[in-house]
Amino acid sequence: HNKNHARSFLESVASSESVGYSSTQSSHRLLAYSDALLSIIATVMILPVAHTKFQDNESIQALLTTKIAVYLMTFLIVTVAWAAHIRLFQVIERIDDTLALLNLVRTPTKFSLMATFPSYTLGILLFCACVMVIGLIQAMIVLYGFSRPFFLNDQIQMSENQAYYKRRILEVIMRVPIMCLFASIFSFIFIPLSYIILAVVIFLPYISQCLKWIRSKAIGGENSPDSVPFYTYHPSEPLSKERVEAFSDGVYAIVATLLILDICEGNVPDPSVVKKEFDNSLIDALQEYGPEYLAYFGSFATVGLLWFVHHSLFLHVTKATRLMGLFNTFSLAFVGGLPLAYQLTHEFPRGSRNELEAVQISCVIIFFAGLFQLAMWVTALFTERETLHPYVRYGGREHTFMLAKLSLYPCVALGTFVFTCVLSRFSTSIFHMMEIGVPFAFLLLRLLVRVALAVIRLLFCPARNDLDSVPVEEEDSQLPINDIVA
């Protein structure tokens, strides 16, 4: 009788778990929504900086330095929350209605207050409160997910150390809310110290990884059941390539949208003004807004081409790593500053000191946006067998062309910066020529690379030209079509 009772109890437990599993759903749309929402939250941080009002006698460098630093910090902290969201849902692979509703609790409207009022305690408090709420919600998702193991990925489901995994993941997740709690407390005492603590939040995983490595070398590593998947904080730790692309696409799309809104907001002539002041001539009226439209088209082309380079890079990437994700975050933070570059390049009188500083700030923004894309490529090359398709690895037929494509914007932005220092009177014209000329450079890039390689081979190894050409073609022709179009 007791054996029958035990058997019936186990069957009821198994049936309840199967019913619970059947009520789960795929998390793809939820994750896509989260990526889009977090990309919006991160990108709109630039609005308080871009819409700063300048006085004629003010230096824009002195005025914008603090605001730009706060913008970069808030952008990076939001992306820290996004990266934590990626790892969390690499552990929890299926969801139900409860998890979906927990994930929807966001408070994006308070995030931009710290960028708007960087020296106000209330702005820091509200920002820290938002981050703490997100951290607590992620902790609740972990507790709920581990209470129903069929939500978890297969590796954790089959492991005997689920309690260890849960404790370890909670420790990692709760670090950020605890640091933000300290930052909010110190905002009442010394605001710069609050910003230092928030800056530590960005690099906390890497700091903890370094301290762990030092401790293991000094006193020996601690024995753990086995490594926690997706929470190692090793530079080669995998990140979801699809989610990195989705978040990046969201940032680029929002930046392009902000540019469109800026050009539509105050740069479209009113019909009554056209009729009264320009004798009903729309062409004459639009000429008044020529610099604004030129700055808009240049900025929009820059956003589109930086996205094109990013798309080309990830077209060749097979696996994204944590270090690549970090450089991608830095690149996106500077891409988010392009609306500021658009505002600055037509804000000031021609030939003024502020005009030169505005153009140089814009060059710096574009330079670092492109430089960190190049850093992603270099990082991928270090582990190219795991992260890159064969035809784009070092020595592959597409390697040189991809390197040239990624190097174009940093080189052009740096050259423009130097030219504006020498020819300061023509700084805006030089900058706009750069923005408009780069698309044509991209169109001719493959031809220019082939000509450059042919010249190099002719100068340094003329005897090998005939020998090298045939094997390369044969090797390329053997590549699977899936690799070429992937």
Protein backbone atom coordinates (compact mmCIF):
# COMPACT_ATOMS: atom_id res chain seq x y z
CA HIS A 1 0.00 0.00 0.00
CA ASN A 2 2.85 2.43 0.89
CA LYS A 3 4.64 1.64 -2.39
CA ASN A 4 1.49 2.40 -4.37
CA HIS A 5 1.04 5.65 -2.49
CA ALA A 6 4.66 6.70 -3.20
CA ARG A 7 4.30 5.77 -6.86
CA SER A 8 1.10 7.80 -7.22
CA PHE A 9 2.75 10.77 -5.50
CA LEU A 10 5.72 10.71 -7.90
CA GLU A 11 3.40 10.42 -10.87
CA SER A 12 1.41 13.44 -9.68
CA VAL A 13 4.61 15.46 -9.27
CA ALA A 14 5.80 14.48 -12.75
CA SER A 15 2.41 15.32 -14.26
CA SER A 16 2.38 18.73 -12.56
CA GLU A 17 5.84 19.46 -13.96
CA SER A 18 4.74 18.44 -17.44
CA VAL A 19 1.71 20.71 -17.14
CA GLY A 20 4.00 23.53 -16.01
CA TYR A 21 6.33 22.94 -18.93
CA SER A 22 3.43 22.94 -21.37
CA SER A 23 2.38 26.37 -20.07
CA THR A 24 5.78 27.87 -20.89
CA GLN A 25 6.50 29.86 -24.00
CA SER A 26 9.46 30.92 -26.11
CA SER A 27 11.22 34.06 -24.90
CA HIS A 28 12.23 35.38 -28.36
CA ARG A 29 9.67 38.20 -28.59
CA LEU A 30 10.17 39.15 -24.96
CA LEU A 31 13.92 39.44 -25.49
CA ALA A 32 13.45 41.42 -28.70
CA TYR A 33 11.16 43.83 -26.85
CA SER A 34 13.69 44.16 -24.00
CA ASP A 35 16.54 44.84 -26.42
CA ALA A 36 14.52 47.53 -28.18
CA LEU A 37 13.43 49.15 -24.91
CA LEU A 38 16.91 49.19 -23.38
CA SER A 39 18.42 50.58 -26.58
CA ILE A 40 15.90 53.44 -26.42
CA ILE A 41 16.63 54.08 -22.73
CA ALA A 42 20.39 54.16 -23.38
CA THR A 43 20.26 56.33 -26.50
CA VAL A 44 17.87 59.05 -25.31
CA MET A 45 20.44 59.95 -22.63
CA ILE A 46 22.09 62.16 -25.26
CA LEU A 47 19.04 64.44 -25.57
CA PRO A 48 19.78 66.61 -22.49
CA VAL A 49 23.34 67.07 -23.79
CA ALA A 50 22.38 67.70 -27.43
CA HIS A 51 19.76 70.30 -26.47
CA THR A 52 22.08 72.32 -24.24
CA LYS A 53 21.63 76.07 -24.75
CA PHE A 54 24.86 77.95 -25.40
CA GLN A 55 25.70 81.58 -24.76
CA ASP A 56 27.92 83.52 -27.12
CA ASN A 57 30.74 83.99 -24.61
CA GLU A 58 30.74 80.43 -23.21
CA SER A 59 33.28 77.76 -24.07
CA ILE A 60 31.43 74.66 -25.20
CA GLN A 61 34.27 72.42 -24.02
CA ALA A 62 33.89 73.63 -20.44
CA LEU A 63 30.10 73.47 -20.66
CA LEU A 64 29.85 70.02 -22.22
CA THR A 65 32.68 68.11 -20.55
CA THR A 66 30.68 67.16 -17.45
CA LYS A 67 27.49 66.46 -19.38
CA ILE A 68 29.23 64.23 -21.92
CA ALA A 69 30.99 62.32 -19.13
CA VAL A 70 27.66 61.77 -17.34
CA TYR A 71 26.02 60.70 -20.61
CA LEU A 72 28.74 58.12 -21.28
CA MET A 73 28.44 56.81 -17.73
CA THR A 74 24.65 56.47 -17.84
CA PHE A 75 24.78 54.86 -21.29
CA LEU A 76 27.35 52.31 -20.12
CA ILE A 77 25.44 51.52 -16.91
CA VAL A 78 22.26 50.86 -18.92
CA THR A 79 24.26 48.54 -21.16
CA VAL A 80 25.59 46.79 -18.05
CA ALA A 81 21.94 46.09 -17.16
CA TRP A 82 21.34 44.89 -20.73
CA ALA A 83 24.36 42.56 -20.62
CA ALA A 84 23.09 41.17 -17.30
CA HIS A 85 19.72 40.60 -19.00
CA ILE A 86 21.47 38.63 -21.77
CA ARG A 87 23.23 36.33 -19.32
CA LEU A 88 20.10 35.90 -17.24
CA PHE A 89 18.07 34.68 -20.19
CA GLN A 90 20.88 32.44 -21.37
CA VAL A 91 20.33 30.62 -18.08
CA ILE A 92 16.50 30.88 -18.16
CA GLU A 93 15.57 29.73 -21.65
CA ARG A 94 11.78 29.49 -21.32
CA ILE A 95 9.25 31.79 -19.65
CA ASP A 96 5.65 31.93 -18.53
CA ASP A 97 3.27 34.83 -17.98
CA THR A 98 4.74 35.63 -14.55
CA LEU A 99 8.28 35.97 -15.90
CA ALA A 100 7.03 38.00 -18.84
CA LEU A 101 5.25 40.45 -16.54
CA LEU A 102 8.25 40.72 -14.20
CA ASN A 103 10.46 41.54 -17.16
CA LEU A 104 8.14 44.36 -18.29
CA VAL A 105 8.65 46.41 -15.12
CA ARG A 106 10.89 49.26 -16.30
CA THR A 107 11.25 52.90 -15.25
CA PRO A 108 12.99 54.58 -18.17
CA THR A 109 11.68 58.12 -17.66
CA LYS A 110 13.85 58.74 -14.58
CA PHE A 111 17.13 57.72 -16.24
CA SER A 112 17.65 60.95 -18.18
CA LEU A 113 17.31 63.19 -15.10
CA MET A 114 20.90 62.56 -14.02
CA ALA A 115 22.16 63.54 -17.49
CA THR A 116 20.01 66.68 -17.34
CA PHE A 117 20.95 67.65 -13.76
CA PRO A 118 24.37 66.08 -13.10
CA SER A 119 25.07 68.22 -10.02
CA TYR A 120 21.70 67.56 -8.33
CA THR A 121 21.34 64.90 -5.66
CA LEU A 122 17.78 64.07 -6.74
CA GLY A 123 18.91 63.15 -10.27
CA ILE A 124 21.49 60.70 -8.89
CA LEU A 125 18.97 59.27 -6.41
CA LEU A 126 16.35 58.60 -9.08
CA PHE A 127 18.90 57.05 -11.44
CA CYS A 128 20.25 54.78 -8.70
CA ALA A 129 16.70 53.87 -7.67
CA CYS A 130 15.90 52.76 -11.23
CA VAL A 131 19.02 50.60 -11.41
CA MET A 132 18.27 49.07 -8.00
CA VAL A 133 14.71 48.25 -9.04
CA ILE A 134 15.93 46.54 -12.21
CA GLY A 135 18.47 44.55 -10.17
CA LEU A 136 15.84 43.45 -7.66
CA ILE A 137 13.50 42.39 -10.46
CA GLN A 138 16.28 40.33 -12.03
CA ALA A 139 16.87 38.68 -8.64
CA MET A 140 13.15 37.84 -8.43
CA ILE A 141 13.34 36.35 -11.93
CA VAL A 142 16.25 34.14 -10.80
CA LEU A 143 14.38 32.93 -7.71
CA TYR A 144 11.23 32.22 -9.70
CA GLY A 145 13.14 30.52 -12.54
CA PHE A 146 15.10 28.21 -10.24
CA SER A 147 11.89 27.26 -8.39
CA ARG A 148 10.73 25.71 -11.69
CA PRO A 149 13.75 23.91 -13.18
CA PHE A 150 12.06 23.31 -16.53
CA PHE A 151 12.63 27.04 -17.24
CA LEU A 152 16.42 26.57 -17.07
CA ASN A 153 18.82 25.57 -19.80
CA ASP A 154 19.70 21.90 -20.17
CA GLN A 155 23.14 22.17 -18.57
CA ILE A 156 21.76 23.55 -15.32
CA GLN A 157 18.71 21.28 -15.37
CA MET A 158 20.96 18.19 -15.42
CA SER A 159 23.38 19.57 -12.84
CA GLU A 160 23.35 18.53 -9.19
CA ASN A 161 24.56 21.98 -8.14
CA GLN A 162 21.51 24.11 -8.89
CA ALA A 163 21.59 25.64 -5.39
CA TYR A 164 25.18 26.73 -5.97
CA TYR A 165 24.28 28.19 -9.36
CA LYS A 166 21.37 30.12 -7.90
CA ARG A 167 23.44 31.55 -5.07
CA ARG A 168 26.30 32.50 -7.38
CA ILE A 169 24.04 34.20 -9.95
CA LEU A 170 22.22 36.13 -7.22
CA GLU A 171 25.56 37.33 -5.83
CA VAL A 172 26.59 38.62 -9.25
CA ILE A 173 23.24 40.30 -9.94
CA MET A 174 23.01 42.02 -6.55
CA ARG A 175 26.43 43.67 -6.82
CA VAL A 176 25.11 46.48 -9.03
CA PRO A 177 22.09 47.43 -6.83
CA ILE A 178 24.33 47.40 -3.74
CA MET A 179 26.89 49.68 -5.42
CA CYS A 180 24.09 52.01 -6.53
CA LEU A 181 22.78 52.08 -2.97
CA PHE A 182 26.18 53.31 -1.77
CA ALA A 183 26.28 55.84 -4.62
CA SER A 184 22.87 57.21 -3.61
CA ILE A 185 23.97 57.51 0.04
CA PHE A 186 27.18 59.36 -0.85
CA SER A 187 25.25 61.74 -3.11
CA PHE A 188 24.12 63.50 0.09
CA ILE A 189 27.73 63.84 1.25
CA PHE A 190 30.00 64.26 -1.78
CA ILE A 191 28.54 64.01 -5.29
CA PRO A 192 31.85 63.31 -7.13
CA LEU A 193 32.31 60.21 -4.97
CA SER A 194 28.90 58.98 -6.14
CA TYR A 195 30.04 59.26 -9.74
CA ILE A 196 33.24 57.37 -8.91
CA ILE A 197 31.17 54.53 -7.43
CA LEU A 198 28.91 54.50 -10.50
CA ALA A 199 32.00 54.37 -12.73
CA VAL A 200 33.20 51.35 -10.76
CA VAL A 201 29.86 49.66 -11.52
CA ILE A 202 30.72 49.67 -15.23
CA PHE A 203 34.03 47.88 -14.74
CA LEU A 204 33.05 45.87 -11.64
CA PRO A 205 33.03 42.48 -13.42
CA TYR A 206 36.55 43.03 -14.72
CA ILE A 207 37.79 44.35 -11.38
CA SER A 208 36.34 41.32 -9.58
CA GLN A 209 37.86 39.00 -12.19
CA CYS A 210 41.30 40.57 -11.67
CA LEU A 211 40.97 40.32 -7.89
CA LYS A 212 39.90 36.69 -8.21
CA TRP A 213 42.92 35.94 -10.39
CA ILE A 214 45.29 37.67 -7.92
CA ARG A 215 43.76 35.74 -5.01
CA SER A 216 44.07 32.44 -6.86
CA LYS A 217 47.75 33.13 -7.53
CA ALA A 218 48.42 34.27 -3.96
CA ILE A 219 46.50 31.78 -1.81
CA GLY A 220 45.05 29.31 -4.30
CA GLY A 221 41.61 29.24 -5.93
CA GLU A 222 38.45 28.27 -4.17
CA ASN A 223 36.90 24.93 -5.01
CA SER A 224 33.55 25.28 -6.73
CA PRO A 225 31.38 22.46 -8.01
CA ASP A 226 31.86 23.59 -11.60
CA SER A 227 31.87 26.83 -13.52
CA VAL A 228 28.64 28.84 -13.67
CA PRO A 229 27.56 29.07 -17.31
CA PHE A 230 27.55 32.61 -18.72
CA TYR A 231 28.71 34.13 -15.42
CA THR A 232 32.46 33.55 -15.66
CA TYR A 233 33.26 37.18 -16.69
CA HIS A 234 36.12 35.82 -18.75
CA PRO A 235 36.87 37.94 -21.86
CA SER A 236 35.99 34.96 -24.09
CA GLU A 237 32.69 34.29 -22.32
CA PRO A 238 30.04 33.91 -25.05
CA LEU A 239 27.29 36.46 -25.54
CA SER A 240 24.25 35.95 -27.70
CA LYS A 241 25.30 37.27 -31.12
CA GLU A 242 21.66 37.77 -32.13
CA ARG A 243 20.93 39.94 -29.09
CA VAL A 244 24.11 41.99 -29.56
CA GLU A 245 22.99 42.68 -33.13
CA ALA A 246 19.42 43.47 -32.06
CA PHE A 247 20.53 45.94 -29.36
CA SER A 248 23.02 47.58 -31.73
CA ASP A 249 20.42 47.91 -34.50
CA GLY A 250 18.10 49.53 -31.96
CA VAL A 251 20.72 52.13 -31.00
CA TYR A 252 21.48 52.99 -34.64
CA ALA A 253 17.77 53.25 -35.46
CA ILE A 254 17.05 55.51 -32.47
CA VAL A 255 20.01 57.78 -33.30
CA ALA A 256 18.75 58.12 -36.90
CA THR A 257 15.26 58.87 -35.56
CA LEU A 258 16.58 61.57 -33.23
CA LEU A 259 18.33 63.22 -36.17
CA ILE A 260 15.10 63.18 -38.18
CA LEU A 261 13.15 64.68 -35.27
CA ASP A 262 15.78 67.40 -34.84
CA ILE A 263 15.65 68.43 -38.49
CA CYS A 264 11.83 68.44 -38.47
CA GLU A 265 11.45 70.30 -35.19
CA GLY A 266 12.82 73.75 -35.96
CA ASN A 267 14.19 73.65 -39.48
CA VAL A 268 11.03 73.50 -41.59
CA PRO A 269 9.79 76.98 -42.61
CA ASP A 270 6.31 78.02 -41.60
CA PRO A 271 3.95 78.62 -44.59
CA SER A 272 3.00 82.08 -43.33
CA VAL A 273 6.67 83.05 -43.05
CA VAL A 274 7.36 81.77 -46.56
CA LYS A 275 4.49 83.83 -47.92
CA LYS A 276 5.30 87.03 -46.02
CA GLU A 277 9.11 87.17 -45.94
CA PHE A 278 10.10 85.20 -49.05
CA ASP A 279 7.36 86.21 -51.47
CA ASN A 280 5.94 82.67 -51.45
CA SER A 281 9.24 81.22 -52.72
CA LEU A 282 9.97 77.97 -50.89
CA ILE A 283 13.42 77.71 -52.49
CA ASP A 284 14.50 81.06 -51.04
CA ALA A 285 13.13 80.04 -47.63
CA LEU A 286 14.97 76.72 -47.65
CA GLN A 287 18.24 78.48 -48.45
CA GLU A 288 18.09 80.01 -44.97
CA TYR A 289 18.29 76.49 -43.52
CA GLY A 290 21.09 75.30 -45.82
CA PRO A 291 23.71 74.66 -43.07
CA GLU A 292 21.17 72.73 -40.97
CA TYR A 293 20.19 70.47 -43.89
CA LEU A 294 23.84 69.92 -44.83
CA ALA A 295 24.67 68.95 -41.24
CA TYR A 296 21.65 66.64 -41.13
CA PHE A 297 22.51 64.78 -44.35
CA GLY A 298 26.13 64.42 -43.26
CA SER A 299 25.18 63.11 -39.80
CA PHE A 300 22.55 60.74 -41.20
CA ALA A 301 25.05 59.36 -43.74
CA THR A 302 27.55 58.85 -40.91
CA VAL A 303 25.02 56.89 -38.83
CA GLY A 304 24.07 54.76 -41.82
CA LEU A 305 27.66 53.97 -42.79
CA LEU A 306 28.71 53.16 -39.22
CA TRP A 307 25.77 50.74 -39.12
CA PHE A 308 26.92 49.31 -42.47
CA VAL A 309 30.41 48.70 -41.07
CA HIS A 310 28.91 47.12 -37.94
CA HIS A 311 26.67 44.92 -40.09
CA SER A 312 29.65 43.86 -42.24
CA LEU A 313 31.65 42.99 -39.14
CA PHE A 314 28.96 40.79 -37.59
CA LEU A 315 28.27 39.20 -40.95
CA HIS A 316 31.68 37.56 -40.59
CA VAL A 317 31.43 36.84 -36.84
CA THR A 318 30.33 33.37 -35.75
CA LYS A 319 30.39 33.97 -31.98
CA ALA A 320 30.35 37.16 -29.93
CA THR A 321 32.44 37.28 -26.75
CA ARG A 322 32.26 39.41 -23.64
CA LEU A 323 35.25 41.56 -24.63
CA MET A 324 33.78 42.14 -28.09
CA GLY A 325 30.54 43.15 -26.36
CA LEU A 326 32.42 45.66 -24.21
CA PHE A 327 34.03 47.31 -27.24
CA ASN A 328 30.67 47.25 -29.02
CA THR A 329 29.15 49.10 -26.06
CA PHE A 330 31.85 51.79 -26.21
CA SER A 331 31.30 52.19 -29.95
CA LEU A 332 27.53 52.51 -29.51
CA ALA A 333 28.01 55.09 -26.75
CA PHE A 334 29.84 57.35 -29.20
CA VAL A 335 27.34 56.60 -31.98
CA GLY A 336 24.70 57.84 -29.55
CA GLY A 337 26.59 61.14 -29.45
CA LEU A 338 26.02 61.85 -33.16
CA PRO A 339 22.85 63.93 -32.50
CA LEU A 340 25.11 66.17 -30.41
CA ALA A 341 27.55 66.41 -33.33
CA TYR A 342 24.66 67.41 -35.61
CA GLN A 343 23.53 70.15 -33.22
CA LEU A 344 27.04 71.51 -32.73
CA THR A 345 28.11 71.75 -36.38
CA HIS A 346 25.49 74.37 -37.28
CA GLU A 347 25.03 76.11 -33.93
CA PHE A 348 27.76 78.76 -33.98
CA PRO A 349 28.84 81.65 -36.24
CA ARG A 350 31.38 80.92 -38.96
CA GLY A 351 34.98 81.41 -37.92
CA SER A 352 34.26 81.56 -34.17
CA ARG A 353 36.24 79.65 -31.54
CA ASN A 354 33.14 77.69 -30.57
CA GLU A 355 32.65 76.56 -34.16
CA LEU A 356 36.15 75.06 -34.21
CA GLU A 357 35.61 73.32 -30.87
CA ALA A 358 32.24 71.98 -32.05
CA VAL A 359 33.75 70.47 -35.20
CA GLN A 360 36.62 68.94 -33.26
CA ILE A 361 34.24 67.39 -30.72
CA SER A 362 32.29 65.91 -33.63
CA CYS A 363 35.50 64.47 -35.10
CA VAL A 364 36.36 62.89 -31.75
CA ILE A 365 32.88 61.30 -31.53
CA ILE A 366 33.17 59.75 -35.01
CA PHE A 367 36.79 58.70 -34.41
CA PHE A 368 36.02 56.69 -31.27
CA ALA A 369 32.81 55.22 -32.73
CA GLY A 370 34.91 53.77 -35.56
CA LEU A 371 37.95 52.93 -33.42
CA PHE A 372 35.99 50.67 -31.07
CA GLN A 373 34.50 48.86 -34.07
CA LEU A 374 38.07 48.21 -35.19
CA ALA A 375 38.88 47.02 -31.65
CA MET A 376 36.06 44.44 -31.94
CA TRP A 377 37.66 43.13 -35.12
CA VAL A 378 41.12 42.90 -33.54
CA THR A 379 39.63 41.08 -30.53
CA ALA A 380 37.91 38.60 -32.84
CA LEU A 381 41.20 37.96 -34.66
CA PHE A 382 42.85 36.77 -31.43
CA THR A 383 40.35 33.89 -31.27
CA GLU A 384 39.57 33.77 -34.98
CA ARG A 385 38.97 30.00 -35.13
CA GLU A 386 36.05 30.36 -32.71
CA THR A 387 34.75 33.80 -33.69
CA LEU A 388 35.28 34.33 -37.44
CA HIS A 389 34.38 32.61 -40.70
CA PRO A 390 37.42 31.07 -42.47
CA TYR A 391 37.43 33.40 -45.47
CA VAL A 392 37.82 36.53 -43.32
CA ARG A 393 40.55 35.28 -40.98
CA TYR A 394 44.11 36.51 -41.26
CA GLY A 395 45.25 35.68 -44.78
CA GLY A 396 41.72 35.12 -46.09
CA ARG A 397 40.49 36.79 -49.24
CA GLU A 398 38.20 39.20 -47.34
CA HIS A 399 40.58 40.00 -44.47
CA THR A 400 42.30 43.01 -46.03
CA PHE A 401 39.07 44.49 -47.34
CA MET A 402 37.37 44.16 -43.92
CA LEU A 403 40.37 45.78 -42.22
CA ALA A 404 40.24 48.69 -44.69
CA LYS A 405 36.50 49.09 -44.17
CA LEU A 406 36.89 49.25 -40.39
CA SER A 407 39.89 51.61 -40.56
CA LEU A 408 38.27 54.15 -42.88
CA TYR A 409 36.27 56.21 -40.36
CA PRO A 410 38.98 56.42 -37.66
CA CYS A 411 41.57 57.49 -40.24
CA VAL A 412 39.29 60.03 -41.94
CA ALA A 413 38.06 61.49 -38.62
CA LEU A 414 41.63 61.82 -37.35
CA GLY A 415 42.74 63.46 -40.60
CA THR A 416 39.80 65.88 -40.47
CA PHE A 417 40.70 66.80 -36.88
CA VAL A 418 44.27 67.61 -37.93
CA PHE A 419 43.13 69.64 -40.94
CA THR A 420 40.72 71.68 -38.80
CA CYS A 421 43.59 72.53 -36.45
CA VAL A 422 45.66 73.80 -39.36
CA LEU A 423 42.84 75.42 -41.38
CA SER A 424 40.60 76.55 -38.54
CA ARG A 425 38.80 79.16 -40.68
CA PHE A 426 37.37 76.39 -42.86
CA SER A 427 36.69 73.83 -40.11
CA THR A 428 32.96 73.39 -40.81
CA SER A 429 33.47 73.11 -44.57
CA ILE A 430 36.22 70.52 -44.09
CA PHE A 431 34.01 68.51 -41.72
CA HIS A 432 31.03 68.51 -44.09
CA MET A 433 33.27 67.52 -47.00
CA MET A 434 34.47 64.58 -44.93
CA GLU A 435 30.93 63.46 -44.07
CA ILE A 436 29.74 63.69 -47.66
CA GLY A 437 32.94 62.26 -49.20
CA VAL A 438 33.16 59.10 -47.06
CA PRO A 439 30.16 57.37 -48.79
CA PHE A 440 31.97 57.68 -52.12
CA ALA A 441 35.12 56.30 -50.50
CA PHE A 442 33.14 53.25 -49.39
CA LEU A 443 31.87 52.74 -52.95
CA LEU A 444 35.44 52.77 -54.29
CA LEU A 445 37.03 50.99 -51.33
CA ARG A 446 37.21 47.49 -52.79
CA LEU A 447 38.80 48.83 -55.98
CA LEU A 448 41.28 50.92 -53.99
CA VAL A 449 42.22 47.93 -51.81
CA ARG A 450 42.81 45.74 -54.86
CA VAL A 451 44.97 48.40 -56.50
CA ALA A 452 46.96 48.88 -53.28
CA LEU A 453 47.53 45.13 -52.88
CA ALA A 454 48.57 44.84 -56.53
CA VAL A 455 51.09 47.67 -56.10
CA ILE A 456 52.48 46.11 -52.91
CA ARG A 457 52.88 42.72 -54.59
CA LEU A 458 54.50 44.34 -57.59
CA LEU A 459 57.00 46.21 -55.42
CA PHE A 460 57.87 43.56 -52.83
CA CYS A 461 57.21 40.15 -54.37
CA PRO A 462 56.93 40.42 -58.18
CA ALA A 463 58.11 36.86 -58.74
CA ARG A 464 55.27 35.37 -56.68
CA ASN A 465 52.37 37.13 -58.38
CA ASP A 466 51.71 34.35 -60.86
CA LEU A 467 52.23 31.60 -58.31
CA ASP A 468 49.97 33.09 -55.65
CA SER A 469 47.00 33.97 -57.79
CA VAL A 470 45.89 30.44 -58.74
CA PRO A 471 45.87 28.76 -55.28
CA VAL A 472 43.98 31.66 -53.74
CA GLU A 473 41.25 31.37 -56.33
CA GLU A 474 41.09 27.59 -55.86
CA GLU A 475 40.91 27.96 -52.09
CA ASP A 476 38.15 30.54 -52.36
CA SER A 477 36.19 28.41 -54.79
CA GLN A 478 36.17 25.57 -52.26
CA LEU A 479 34.41 27.64 -49.61
CA PRO A 480 30.87 26.44 -48.86
CA ILE A 481 28.18 28.75 -50.18
CA ASN A 482 26.70 28.92 -46.67
CA ASP A 483 29.93 30.51 -45.42
CA ILE A 484 29.90 33.07 -48.21
CA VAL A 485 26.32 34.24 -47.74
CA ALA A 486 26.10 33.77 -43.95
